Every structure is written in C-alpha cells, then in structure tokens.
Amino acid sequence: KLVPHAAAAAVLDTFRTANVFGALIGGVVGQVAYNWAPYALPLFMGLATLLGVSPVLLILQSPPAPPDGTHLSVWAAEAGALLAVPLAALQVCLLNVTKPEARGTVTE
C-alpha cells in the first residue's frame, strides 16, 4: 500500500526481530508444554498459528499508513513472534516420529 520504502523496511525488520524472539520463547514454552502433557504441544503450535494470522490480516487490510508506519510495526511484531512458535516446536515433534539415524535430515 502507500507506505514509504523506509517505513516498509522498518516493518520487515520488526517482523524479523520479533520472529527470532518468538522462536526462542516458543521453544522454551513448547518444551514446558510437552513436558506437562505431550498432547499440549500440537495444541500450542496450532493456537500460536491461528493467533498469528490475525495480525497479518490486519496488516494486509489496514488503511493507508501514516508516514512512519508505527501501527504496522506493532502488528508485524505480533505476527512475527506468534508465527515463529510452531517452527521452534516442530523439531520436538519430529524427534518423536523419526528414527534416530534419520533425525535432522528433514529440517536441514
């Protein structure tokens, strides 16, 4: 949309930074959820994915942004953090279904 290039770059940087922190926090919380009850991990991953879609939709459907794009950065941070959670927990799920000699070959 009518967002200046500098503001759009700032929004993407915010998304990437939040993505890193979301993956770290999601891995820790996912491990705690798995230790509590193994069925809680896929529920946690699905919930994070569903909650992460709404900020992306808000970004796509938002009215033309102010020149600085601050509200887009807030939504991008939320989306980046929430959408990275399933990626961090995916390896825990793969460890439960793959043979030890094949572990790590899917995600590399």
PDB file of N, CA and C in Angstrom:
ATOM      1  N   LYS A   1       0.839  -1.183   0.000  1.00  0.00           N
ATOM      2  CA  LYS A   1       0.000   0.000   0.000  1.00  0.00           C
ATOM      3  C   LYS A   1       0.878   1.237   0.000  1.00  0.00           C
ATOM      4  N   LEU A   2       0.325   2.339   0.237  1.00  0.00           N
ATOM      5  CA  LEU A   2       1.043   3.610   0.120  1.00  0.00           C
ATOM      6  C   LEU A   2       1.983   3.849   1.298  1.00  0.00           C
ATOM      7  N   VAL A   3       2.888   2.924   1.523  1.00  0.00           N
ATOM      8  CA  VAL A   3       3.849   3.037   2.618  1.00  0.00           C
ATOM      9  C   VAL A   3       5.208   3.381   2.021  1.00  0.00           C
ATOM     10  N   PRO A   4       5.877   4.396   2.551  1.00  0.00           N
ATOM     11  CA  PRO A   4       7.219   4.713   2.051  1.00  0.00           C
ATOM     12  C   PRO A   4       8.173   3.530   2.233  1.00  0.00           C
ATOM     13  N   HIS A   5       9.185   3.468   1.393  1.00  0.00           N
ATOM     14  CA  HIS A   5      10.110   2.343   1.431  1.00  0.00           C
ATOM     15  C   HIS A   5      10.818   2.213   2.772  1.00  0.00           C
ATOM     16  N   ALA A   6      11.173   3.321   3.382  1.00  0.00           N
ATOM     17  CA  ALA A   6      11.868   3.268   4.672  1.00  0.00           C
ATOM     18  C   ALA A   6      10.961   2.691   5.754  1.00  0.00           C
ATOM     19  N   ALA A   7       9.688   3.090   5.752  1.00  0.00           N
ATOM     20  CA  ALA A   7       8.750   2.566   6.743  1.00  0.00           C
ATOM     21  C   ALA A   7       8.484   1.079   6.506  1.00  0.00           C
ATOM     22  N   ALA A   8       8.387   0.668   5.242  1.00  0.00           N
ATOM     23  CA  ALA A   8       8.172  -0.746   4.935  1.00  0.00           C
ATOM     24  C   ALA A   8       9.376  -1.581   5.370  1.00  0.00           C
ATOM     25  N   ALA A   9      10.572  -1.064   5.179  1.00  0.00           N
ATOM     26  CA  ALA A   9      11.772  -1.776   5.627  1.00  0.00           C
ATOM     27  C   ALA A   9      11.799  -1.894   7.143  1.00  0.00           C
ATOM     28  N   ALA A  10      11.368  -0.843   7.834  1.00  0.00           N
ATOM     29  CA  ALA A  10      11.315  -0.887   9.292  1.00  0.00           C
ATOM     30  C   ALA A  10      10.310  -1.926   9.771  1.00  0.00           C
ATOM     31  N   VAL A  11       9.177  -2.047   9.072  1.00  0.00           N
ATOM     32  CA  VAL A  11       8.166  -3.047   9.436  1.00  0.00           C
ATOM     33  C   VAL A  11       8.738  -4.456   9.256  1.00  0.00           C
ATOM     34  N   LEU A  12       9.449  -4.685   8.163  1.00  0.00           N
ATOM     35  CA  LEU A  12      10.050  -6.005   7.935  1.00  0.00           C
ATOM     36  C   LEU A  12      11.144  -6.313   8.956  1.00  0.00           C
ATOM     37  N   ASP A  13      11.919  -5.315   9.324  1.00  0.00           N
ATOM     38  CA  ASP A  13      12.935  -5.524  10.355  1.00  0.00           C
ATOM     39  C   ASP A  13      12.295  -5.866  11.695  1.00  0.00           C
ATOM     40  N   THR A  14      11.187  -5.211  12.003  1.00  0.00           N
ATOM     41  CA  THR A  14      10.458  -5.510  13.232  1.00  0.00           C
ATOM     42  C   THR A  14       9.943  -6.945  13.202  1.00  0.00           C
ATOM     43  N   PHE A  15       9.406  -7.367  12.054  1.00  0.00           N
ATOM     44  CA  PHE A  15       8.904  -8.734  11.911  1.00  0.00           C
ATOM     45  C   PHE A  15      10.031  -9.740  12.128  1.00  0.00           C
ATOM     46  N   ARG A  16      11.190  -9.500  11.512  1.00  0.00           N
ATOM     47  CA  ARG A  16      12.312 -10.431  11.637  1.00  0.00           C
ATOM     48  C   ARG A  16      12.839 -10.502  13.066  1.00  0.00           C
ATOM     49  N   THR A  17      12.929  -9.368  13.731  1.00  0.00           N
ATOM     50  CA  THR A  17      13.425  -9.355  15.106  1.00  0.00           C
ATOM     51  C   THR A  17      12.458 -10.081  16.032  1.00  0.00           C
ATOM     52  N   ALA A  18      11.176  -9.812  15.870  1.00  0.00           N
ATOM     53  CA  ALA A  18      10.174 -10.498  16.689  1.00  0.00           C
ATOM     54  C   ALA A  18      10.145 -11.984  16.377  1.00  0.00           C
ATOM     55  N   ASN A  19      10.454 -12.341  15.139  1.00  0.00           N
ATOM     56  CA  ASN A  19      10.483 -13.744  14.744  1.00  0.00           C
ATOM     57  C   ASN A  19      11.565 -14.493  15.517  1.00  0.00           C
ATOM     58  N   VAL A  20      12.712 -13.883  15.698  1.00  0.00           N
ATOM     59  CA  VAL A  20      13.799 -14.519  16.453  1.00  0.00           C
ATOM     60  C   VAL A  20      13.380 -14.731  17.904  1.00  0.00           C
ATOM     61  N   PHE A  21      12.844 -13.694  18.523  1.00  0.00           N
ATOM     62  CA  PHE A  21      12.433 -13.815  19.918  1.00  0.00           C
ATOM     63  C   PHE A  21      11.255 -14.776  20.073  1.00  0.00           C
ATOM     64  N   GLY A  22      10.354 -14.787  19.106  1.00  0.00           N
ATOM     65  CA  GLY A  22       9.229 -15.729  19.153  1.00  0.00           C
ATOM     66  C   GLY A  22       9.700 -17.165  19.060  1.00  0.00           C
ATOM     67  N   ALA A  23      10.717 -17.417  18.246  1.00  0.00           N
ATOM     68  CA  ALA A  23      11.249 -18.778  18.138  1.00  0.00           C
ATOM     69  C   ALA A  23      11.922 -19.207  19.439  1.00  0.00           C
ATOM     70  N   LEU A  24      12.677 -18.306  20.046  1.00  0.00           N
ATOM     71  CA  LEU A  24      13.337 -18.651  21.309  1.00  0.00           C
ATOM     72  C   LEU A  24      12.328 -18.904  22.420  1.00  0.00           C
ATOM     73  N   ILE A  25      11.398 -17.995  22.574  1.00  0.00           N
ATOM     74  CA  ILE A  25      10.397 -18.143  23.630  1.00  0.00           C
ATOM     75  C   ILE A  25       9.467 -19.314  23.326  1.00  0.00           C
ATOM     76  N   GLY A  26       9.119 -19.485  22.058  1.00  0.00           N
ATOM     77  CA  GLY A  26       8.255 -20.596  21.673  1.00  0.00           C
ATOM     78  C   GLY A  26       8.904 -21.943  21.924  1.00  0.00           C
ATOM     79  N   GLY A  27      10.221 -22.037  21.733  1.00  0.00           N
ATOM     80  CA  GLY A  27      10.915 -23.284  22.026  1.00  0.00           C
ATOM     81  C   GLY A  27      10.885 -23.622  23.504  1.00  0.00           C
ATOM     82  N   VAL A  28      11.087 -22.622  24.334  1.00  0.00           N
ATOM     83  CA  VAL A  28      11.068 -22.852  25.782  1.00  0.00           C
ATOM     84  C   VAL A  28       9.661 -23.216  26.251  1.00  0.00           C
ATOM     85  N   VAL A  29       8.681 -22.432  25.819  1.00  0.00           N
ATOM     86  CA  VAL A  29       7.301 -22.700  26.239  1.00  0.00           C
ATOM     87  C   VAL A  29       6.814 -24.027  25.655  1.00  0.00           C
ATOM     88  N   GLY A  30       7.225 -24.320  24.419  1.00  0.00           N
ATOM     89  CA  GLY A  30       6.850 -25.592  23.812  1.00  0.00           C
ATOM     90  C   GLY A  30       7.427 -26.772  24.571  1.00  0.00           C
ATOM     91  N   GLN A  31       8.660 -26.663  25.042  1.00  0.00           N
ATOM     92  CA  GLN A  31       9.252 -27.745  25.827  1.00  0.00           C
ATOM     93  C   GLN A  31       8.515 -27.923  27.147  1.00  0.00           C
ATOM     94  N   VAL A  32       8.148 -26.813  27.775  1.00  0.00           N
ATOM     95  CA  VAL A  32       7.380 -26.898  29.021  1.00  0.00           C
ATOM     96  C   VAL A  32       6.014 -27.541  28.759  1.00  0.00           C
ATOM     97  N   ALA A  33       5.380 -27.157  27.666  1.00  0.00           N
ATOM     98  CA  ALA A  33       4.082 -27.751  27.328  1.00  0.00           C
ATOM     99  C   ALA A  33       4.214 -29.233  27.055  1.00  0.00           C
ATOM    100  N   TYR A  34       5.275 -29.625  26.365  1.00  0.00           N
ATOM    101  CA  TYR A  34       5.483 -31.048  26.070  1.00  0.00           C
ATOM    102  C   TYR A  34       5.769 -31.843  27.341  1.00  0.00           C
ATOM    103  N   ASN A  35       6.566 -31.275  28.239  1.00  0.00           N
ATOM    104  CA  ASN A  35       6.857 -31.967  29.499  1.00  0.00           C
ATOM    105  C   ASN A  35       5.612 -32.097  30.359  1.00  0.00           C
ATOM    106  N   TRP A  36       4.720 -31.113  30.277  1.00  0.00           N
ATOM    107  CA  TRP A  36       3.485 -31.156  31.059  1.00  0.00           C
ATOM    108  C   TRP A  36       2.560 -32.239  30.525  1.00  0.00           C
ATOM    109  N   ALA A  37       2.326 -32.206  29.202  1.00  0.00           N
ATOM    110  CA  ALA A  37       1.485 -33.208  28.552  1.00  0.00           C
ATOM    111  C   ALA A  37       1.852 -33.225  27.071  1.00  0.00           C
ATOM    112  N   PRO A  38       2.244 -34.371  26.539  1.00  0.00           N
ATOM    113  CA  PRO A  38       2.688 -34.412  25.141  1.00  0.00           C
ATOM    114  C   PRO A  38       1.644 -33.930  24.138  1.00  0.00           C
ATOM    115  N   TYR A  39       0.361 -34.103  24.442  1.00  0.00           N
ATOM    116  CA  TYR A  39      -0.676 -33.635  23.516  1.00  0.00           C
ATOM    117  C   TYR A  39      -0.815 -32.117  23.521  1.00  0.00           C
ATOM    118  N   ALA A  40      -0.227 -31.440  24.498  1.00  0.00           N
ATOM    119  CA  ALA A  40      -0.354 -29.986  24.583  1.00  0.00           C
ATOM    120  C   ALA A  40       0.519 -29.271  23.551  1.00  0.00           C
ATOM    121  N   LEU A  41       1.581 -29.921  23.077  1.00  0.00           N
ATOM    122  CA  LEU A  41       2.480 -29.269  22.123  1.00  0.00           C
ATOM    123  C   LEU A  41       1.795 -28.969  20.788  1.00  0.00           C
ATOM    124  N   PRO A  42       1.110 -29.926  20.154  1.00  0.00           N
ATOM    125  CA  PRO A  42       0.426 -29.572  18.909  1.00  0.00           C
ATOM    126  C   PRO A  42      -0.690 -28.547  19.119  1.00  0.00           C
ATOM    127  N   LEU A  43      -1.337 -28.590  20.257  1.00  0.00           N
ATOM    128  CA  LEU A  43      -2.363 -27.584  20.554  1.00  0.00           C
ATOM    129  C   LEU A  43      -1.736 -26.198  20.679  1.00  0.00           C
ATOM    130  N   PHE A  44      -0.597 -26.129  21.329  1.00  0.00           N
ATOM    131  CA  PHE A  44       0.127 -24.871  21.486  1.00  0.00           C
ATOM    132  C   PHE A  44       0.572 -24.331  20.129  1.00  0.00           C
ATOM    133  N   MET A  45       1.077 -25.219  19.284  1.00  0.00           N
ATOM    134  CA  MET A  45       1.522 -24.810  17.952  1.00  0.00           C
ATOM    135  C   MET A  45       0.349 -24.308  17.113  1.00  0.00           C
ATOM    136  N   GLY A  46      -0.760 -25.013  17.147  1.00  0.00           N
ATOM    137  CA  GLY A  46      -1.938 -24.600  16.383  1.00  0.00           C
ATOM    138  C   GLY A  46      -2.520 -23.290  16.869  1.00  0.00           C
ATOM    139  N   LEU A  47      -2.562 -23.116  18.178  1.00  0.00           N
ATOM    140  CA  LEU A  47      -3.087 -21.868  18.738  1.00  0.00           C
ATOM    141  C   LEU A  47      -2.211 -20.681  18.355  1.00  0.00           C
ATOM    142  N   ALA A  48      -0.899 -20.864  18.413  1.00  0.00           N
ATOM    143  CA  ALA A  48       0.009 -19.772  18.032  1.00  0.00           C
ATOM    144  C   ALA A  48      -0.144 -19.422  16.558  1.00  0.00           C
ATOM    145  N   THR A  49      -0.339 -20.432  15.712  1.00  0.00           N
ATOM    146  CA  THR A  49      -0.527 -20.173  14.286  1.00  0.00           C
ATOM    147  C   THR A  49      -1.821 -19.418  14.039  1.00  0.00           C
ATOM    148  N   LEU A  50      -2.885 -19.864  14.682  1.00  0.00           N
ATOM    149  CA  LEU A  50      -4.167 -19.178  14.499  1.00  0.00           C
ATOM    150  C   LEU A  50      -4.119 -17.741  15.006  1.00  0.00           C
ATOM    151  N   LEU A  51      -3.464 -17.524  16.129  1.00  0.00           N
ATOM    152  CA  LEU A  51      -3.356 -16.160  16.652  1.00  0.00           C
ATOM    153  C   LEU A  51      -2.409 -15.299  15.819  1.00  0.00           C
ATOM    154  N   GLY A  52      -1.460 -15.921  15.139  1.00  0.00           N
ATOM    155  CA  GLY A  52      -0.510 -15.168  14.331  1.00  0.00           C
ATOM    156  C   GLY A  52      -1.062 -14.719  12.992  1.00  0.00           C
ATOM    157  N   VAL A  53      -2.142 -15.351  12.549  1.00  0.00           N
ATOM    158  CA  VAL A  53      -2.718 -14.982  11.261  1.00  0.00           C
ATOM    159  C   VAL A  53      -3.458 -13.647  11.345  1.00  0.00           C
ATOM    160  N   SER A  54      -4.113 -13.366  12.456  1.00  0.00           N
ATOM    161  CA  SER A  54      -4.912 -12.141  12.549  1.00  0.00           C
ATOM    162  C   SER A  54      -4.081 -10.865  12.411  1.00  0.00           C
ATOM    163  N   PRO A  55      -2.877 -10.752  13.005  1.00  0.00           N
ATOM    164  CA  PRO A  55      -2.093  -9.533  12.741  1.00  0.00           C
ATOM    165  C   PRO A  55      -1.679  -9.398  11.277  1.00  0.00           C
ATOM    166  N   VAL A  56      -1.428 -10.517  10.608  1.00  0.00           N
ATOM    167  CA  VAL A  56      -1.081 -10.449   9.186  1.00  0.00           C
ATOM    168  C   VAL A  56      -2.272  -9.927   8.389  1.00  0.00           C
ATOM    169  N   LEU A  57      -3.457 -10.403   8.718  1.00  0.00           N
ATOM    170  CA  LEU A  57      -4.658  -9.898   8.046  1.00  0.00           C
ATOM    171  C   LEU A  57      -4.881  -8.423   8.332  1.00  0.00           C
ATOM    172  N   LEU A  58      -4.588  -7.998   9.553  1.00  0.00           N
ATOM    173  CA  LEU A  58      -4.710  -6.576   9.875  1.00  0.00           C
ATOM    174  C   LEU A  58      -3.730  -5.735   9.057  1.00  0.00           C
ATOM    175  N   ILE A  59      -2.532  -6.259   8.857  1.00  0.00           N
ATOM    176  CA  ILE A  59      -1.552  -5.534   8.041  1.00  0.00           C
ATOM    177  C   ILE A  59      -2.041  -5.430   6.602  1.00  0.00           C
ATOM    178  N   LEU A  60      -2.547  -6.530   6.075  1.00  0.00           N
ATOM    179  CA  LEU A  60      -2.987  -6.533   4.682  1.00  0.00           C
ATOM    180  C   LEU A  60      -4.217  -5.680   4.440  1.00  0.00           C
ATOM    181  N   GLN A  61      -5.108  -5.603   5.421  1.00  0.00           N
ATOM    182  CA  GLN A  61      -6.358  -4.874   5.249  1.00  0.00           C
ATOM    183  C   GLN A  61      -6.354  -3.489   5.885  1.00  0.00           C
ATOM    184  N   SER A  62      -5.213  -3.034   6.352  1.00  0.00           N
ATOM    185  CA  SER A  62      -5.165  -1.749   7.040  1.00  0.00           C
ATOM    186  C   SER A  62      -5.318  -0.601   6.047  1.00  0.00           C
ATOM    187  N   PRO A  63      -5.859   0.513   6.526  1.00  0.00           N
ATOM    188  CA  PRO A  63      -5.928   1.694   5.666  1.00  0.00           C
ATOM    189  C   PRO A  63      -4.523   2.222   5.396  1.00  0.00           C
ATOM    190  N   PRO A  64      -4.395   3.154   4.469  1.00  0.00           N
ATOM    191  CA  PRO A  64      -3.060   3.709   4.200  1.00  0.00           C
ATOM    192  C   PRO A  64      -2.381   4.183   5.484  1.00  0.00           C
ATOM    193  N   ALA A  65      -1.147   3.802   5.611  1.00  0.00           N
ATOM    194  CA  ALA A  65      -0.415   4.024   6.857  1.00  0.00           C
ATOM    195  C   ALA A  65       0.079   5.455   6.968  1.00  0.00           C
ATOM    196  N   PRO A  66       0.269   5.917   8.204  1.00  0.00           N
ATOM    197  CA  PRO A  66       0.967   7.188   8.369  1.00  0.00           C
ATOM    198  C   PRO A  66       2.406   7.023   7.890  1.00  0.00           C
ATOM    199  N   PRO A  67       3.104   8.098   7.661  1.00  0.00           N
ATOM    200  CA  PRO A  67       4.455   8.008   7.087  1.00  0.00           C
ATOM    201  C   PRO A  67       5.426   7.128   7.877  1.00  0.00           C
ATOM    202  N   ASP A  68       5.260   7.043   9.197  1.00  0.00           N
ATOM    203  CA  ASP A  68       6.218   6.244   9.971  1.00  0.00           C
ATOM    204  C   ASP A  68       5.825   4.769  10.067  1.00  0.00           C
ATOM    205  N   GLY A  69       4.568   4.405   9.839  1.00  0.00           N
ATOM    206  CA  GLY A  69       4.137   3.014   9.850  1.00  0.00           C
ATOM    207  C   GLY A  69       4.225   2.343  11.206  1.00  0.00           C
ATOM    208  N   THR A  70       3.996   3.095  12.293  1.00  0.00           N
ATOM    209  CA  THR A  70       4.165   2.510  13.630  1.00  0.00           C
ATOM    210  C   THR A  70       3.126   1.436  13.923  1.00  0.00           C
ATOM    211  N   HIS A  71       1.885   1.646  13.522  1.00  0.00           N
ATOM    212  CA  HIS A  71       0.885   0.618  13.820  1.00  0.00           C
ATOM    213  C   HIS A  71       1.161  -0.652  13.021  1.00  0.00           C
ATOM    214  N   LEU A  72       1.739  -0.520  11.853  1.00  0.00           N
ATOM    215  CA  LEU A  72       2.125  -1.707  11.092  1.00  0.00           C
ATOM    216  C   LEU A  72       3.261  -2.453  11.784  1.00  0.00           C
ATOM    217  N   SER A  73       4.164  -1.724  12.412  1.00  0.00           N
ATOM    218  CA  SER A  73       5.275  -2.366  13.122  1.00  0.00           C
ATOM    219  C   SER A  73       4.779  -3.145  14.330  1.00  0.00           C
ATOM    220  N   VAL A  74       3.788  -2.616  15.012  1.00  0.00           N
ATOM    221  CA  VAL A  74       3.235  -3.329  16.172  1.00  0.00           C
ATOM    222  C   VAL A  74       2.597  -4.635  15.716  1.00  0.00           C
ATOM    223  N   TRP A  75       1.801  -4.579  14.661  1.00  0.00           N
ATOM    224  CA  TRP A  75       1.166  -5.800  14.153  1.00  0.00           C
ATOM    225  C   TRP A  75       2.203  -6.762  13.589  1.00  0.00           C
ATOM    226  N   ALA A  76       3.236  -6.243  12.957  1.00  0.00           N
ATOM    227  CA  ALA A  76       4.292  -7.104  12.420  1.00  0.00           C
ATOM    228  C   ALA A  76       5.050  -7.800  13.550  1.00  0.00           C
ATOM    229  N   ALA A  77       5.265  -7.111  14.659  1.00  0.00           N
ATOM    230  CA  ALA A  77       5.938  -7.738  15.803  1.00  0.00           C
ATOM    231  C   ALA A  77       5.083  -8.867  16.376  1.00  0.00           C
ATOM    232  N   GLU A  78       3.792  -8.633  16.498  1.00  0.00           N
ATOM    233  CA  GLU A  78       2.900  -9.681  16.999  1.00  0.00           C
ATOM    234  C   GLU A  78       2.893 -10.878  16.057  1.00  0.00           C
ATOM    235  N   ALA A  79       2.771 -10.617  14.766  1.00  0.00           N
ATOM    236  CA  ALA A  79       2.737 -11.704  13.782  1.00  0.00           C
ATOM    237  C   ALA A  79       4.058 -12.461  13.758  1.00  0.00           C
ATOM    238  N   GLY A  80       5.163 -11.746  13.785  1.00  0.00           N
ATOM    239  CA  GLY A  80       6.469 -12.396  13.745  1.00  0.00           C
ATOM    240  C   GLY A  80       6.713 -13.285  14.947  1.00  0.00           C
ATOM    241  N   ALA A  81       6.334 -12.811  16.117  1.00  0.00           N
ATOM    242  CA  ALA A  81       6.548 -13.605  17.327  1.00  0.00           C
ATOM    243  C   ALA A  81       5.652 -14.840  17.340  1.00  0.00           C
ATOM    244  N   LEU A  82       4.402 -14.684  16.971  1.00  0.00           N
ATOM    245  CA  LEU A  82       3.474 -15.809  17.048  1.00  0.00           C
ATOM    246  C   LEU A  82       3.695 -16.838  15.944  1.00  0.00           C
ATOM    247  N   LEU A  83       4.056 -16.400  14.761  1.00  0.00           N
ATOM    248  CA  LEU A  83       4.219 -17.338  13.662  1.00  0.00           C
ATOM    249  C   LEU A  83       5.531 -18.115  13.738  1.00  0.00           C
ATOM    250  N   ALA A  84       6.453 -17.696  14.567  1.00  0.00           N
ATOM    251  CA  ALA A  84       7.707 -18.427  14.730  1.00  0.00           C
ATOM    252  C   ALA A  84       7.606 -19.542  15.761  1.00  0.00           C
ATOM    253  N   VAL A  85       6.581 -19.524  16.573  1.00  0.00           N
ATOM    254  CA  VAL A  85       6.438 -20.524  17.637  1.00  0.00           C
ATOM    255  C   VAL A  85       6.340 -21.946  17.085  1.00  0.00           C
ATOM    256  N   PRO A  86       5.520 -22.219  16.084  1.00  0.00           N
ATOM    257  CA  PRO A  86       5.448 -23.607  15.590  1.00  0.00           C
ATOM    258  C   PRO A  86       6.758 -24.097  14.980  1.00  0.00           C
ATOM    259  N   LEU A  87       7.550 -23.209  14.413  1.00  0.00           N
ATOM    260  CA  LEU A  87       8.820 -23.623  13.833  1.00  0.00           C
ATOM    261  C   LEU A  87       9.786 -24.132  14.898  1.00  0.00           C
ATOM    262  N   ALA A  88       9.780 -23.494  16.037  1.00  0.00           N
ATOM    263  CA  ALA A  88      10.665 -23.924  17.115  1.00  0.00           C
ATOM    264  C   ALA A  88      10.208 -25.251  17.702  1.00  0.00           C
ATOM    265  N   ALA A  89       8.930 -25.467  17.777  1.00  0.00           N
ATOM    266  CA  ALA A  89       8.408 -26.696  18.364  1.00  0.00           C
ATOM    267  C   ALA A  89       8.333 -27.844  17.362  1.00  0.00           C
ATOM    268  N   LEU A  90       8.522 -27.553  16.094  1.00  0.00           N
ATOM    269  CA  LEU A  90       8.422 -28.597  15.075  1.00  0.00           C
ATOM    270  C   LEU A  90       9.491 -29.664  15.253  1.00  0.00           C
ATOM    271  N   GLN A  91      10.689 -29.276  15.630  1.00  0.00           N
ATOM    272  CA  GLN A  91      11.753 -30.266  15.810  1.00  0.00           C
ATOM    273  C   GLN A  91      11.455 -31.210  16.962  1.00  0.00           C
ATOM    274  N   VAL A  92      10.798 -30.713  17.998  1.00  0.00           N
ATOM    275  CA  VAL A  92      10.402 -31.589  19.097  1.00  0.00           C
ATOM    276  C   VAL A  92       9.409 -32.624  18.591  1.00  0.00           C
ATOM    277  N   CYS A  93       8.486 -32.198  17.742  1.00  0.00           N
ATOM    278  CA  CYS A  93       7.521 -33.141  17.172  1.00  0.00           C
ATOM    279  C   CYS A  93       8.214 -34.155  16.271  1.00  0.00           C
ATOM    280  N   LEU A  94       9.179 -33.713  15.488  1.00  0.00           N
ATOM    281  CA  LEU A  94       9.878 -34.626  14.583  1.00  0.00           C
ATOM    282  C   LEU A  94      10.732 -35.639  15.330  1.00  0.00           C
ATOM    283  N   LEU A  95      11.238 -35.270  16.497  1.00  0.00           N
ATOM    284  CA  LEU A  95      12.031 -36.217  17.272  1.00  0.00           C
ATOM    285  C   LEU A  95      11.200 -37.411  17.719  1.00  0.00           C
ATOM    286  N   ASN A  96       9.895 -37.216  17.860  1.00  0.00           N
ATOM    287  CA  ASN A  96       9.040 -38.292  18.324  1.00  0.00           C
ATOM    288  C   ASN A  96       8.650 -39.255  17.212  1.00  0.00           C
ATOM    289  N   VAL A  97       8.819 -38.894  15.959  1.00  0.00           N
ATOM    290  CA  VAL A  97       8.325 -39.749  14.883  1.00  0.00           C
ATOM    291  C   VAL A  97       9.409 -40.247  13.943  1.00  0.00           C
ATOM    292  N   THR A  98      10.631 -39.780  14.090  1.00  0.00           N
ATOM    293  CA  THR A  98      11.691 -40.214  13.182  1.00  0.00           C
ATOM    294  C   THR A  98      12.639 -41.178  13.894  1.00  0.00           C
ATOM    295  N   LYS A  99      13.265 -42.022  13.110  1.00  0.00           N
ATOM    296  CA  LYS A  99      14.272 -42.931  13.660  1.00  0.00           C
ATOM    297  C   LYS A  99      15.518 -42.121  14.015  1.00  0.00           C
ATOM    298  N   PRO A 100      16.269 -42.556  15.008  1.00  0.00           N
ATOM    299  CA  PRO A 100      17.451 -41.792  15.429  1.00  0.00           C
ATOM    300  C   PRO A 100      18.448 -41.535  14.309  1.00  0.00           C
ATOM    301  N   GLU A 101      18.633 -42.465  13.390  1.00  0.00           N
ATOM    302  CA  GLU A 101      19.616 -42.251  12.315  1.00  0.00           C
ATOM    303  C   GLU A 101      19.125 -41.269  11.264  1.00  0.00           C
ATOM    304  N   ALA A 102      17.833 -40.980  11.228  1.00  0.00           N
ATOM    305  CA  ALA A 102      17.292 -40.051  10.239  1.00  0.00           C
ATOM    306  C   ALA A 102      16.988 -38.682  10.832  1.00  0.00           C
ATOM    307  N   ARG A 103      17.215 -38.503  12.096  1.00  0.00           N
ATOM    308  CA  ARG A 103      16.890 -37.232  12.744  1.00  0.00           C
ATOM    309  C   ARG A 103      17.771 -36.121  12.197  1.00  0.00           C
ATOM    310  N   GLY A 104      17.161 -34.989  11.973  1.00  0.00           N
ATOM    311  CA  GLY A 104      17.878 -33.820  11.492  1.00  0.00           C
ATOM    312  C   GLY A 104      17.948 -33.726   9.978  1.00  0.00           C
ATOM    313  N   THR A 105      17.595 -34.787   9.268  1.00  0.00           N
ATOM    314  CA  THR A 105      17.690 -34.725   7.815  1.00  0.00           C
ATOM    315  C   THR A 105      16.522 -33.984   7.180  1.00  0.00           C
ATOM    316  N   VAL A 106      15.408 -33.895   7.860  1.00  0.00           N
ATOM    317  CA  VAL A 106      14.242 -33.219   7.316  1.00  0.00           C
ATOM    318  C   VAL A 106      14.396 -31.707   7.406  1.00  0.00           C
ATOM    319  N   THR A 107      14.927 -31.227   8.496  1.00  0.00           N
ATOM    320  CA  THR A 107      14.978 -29.788   8.737  1.00  0.00           C
ATOM    321  C   THR A 107      16.276 -29.167   8.259  1.00  0.00           C
ATOM    322  N   GLU A 108      17.200 -29.912   7.707  1.00  0.00           N
ATOM    323  CA  GLU A 108      18.467 -29.328   7.251  1.00  0.00           C
ATOM    324  C   GLU A 108      18.471 -29.121   5.767  1.00  0.00           C
TER     325      GLU A 108
END
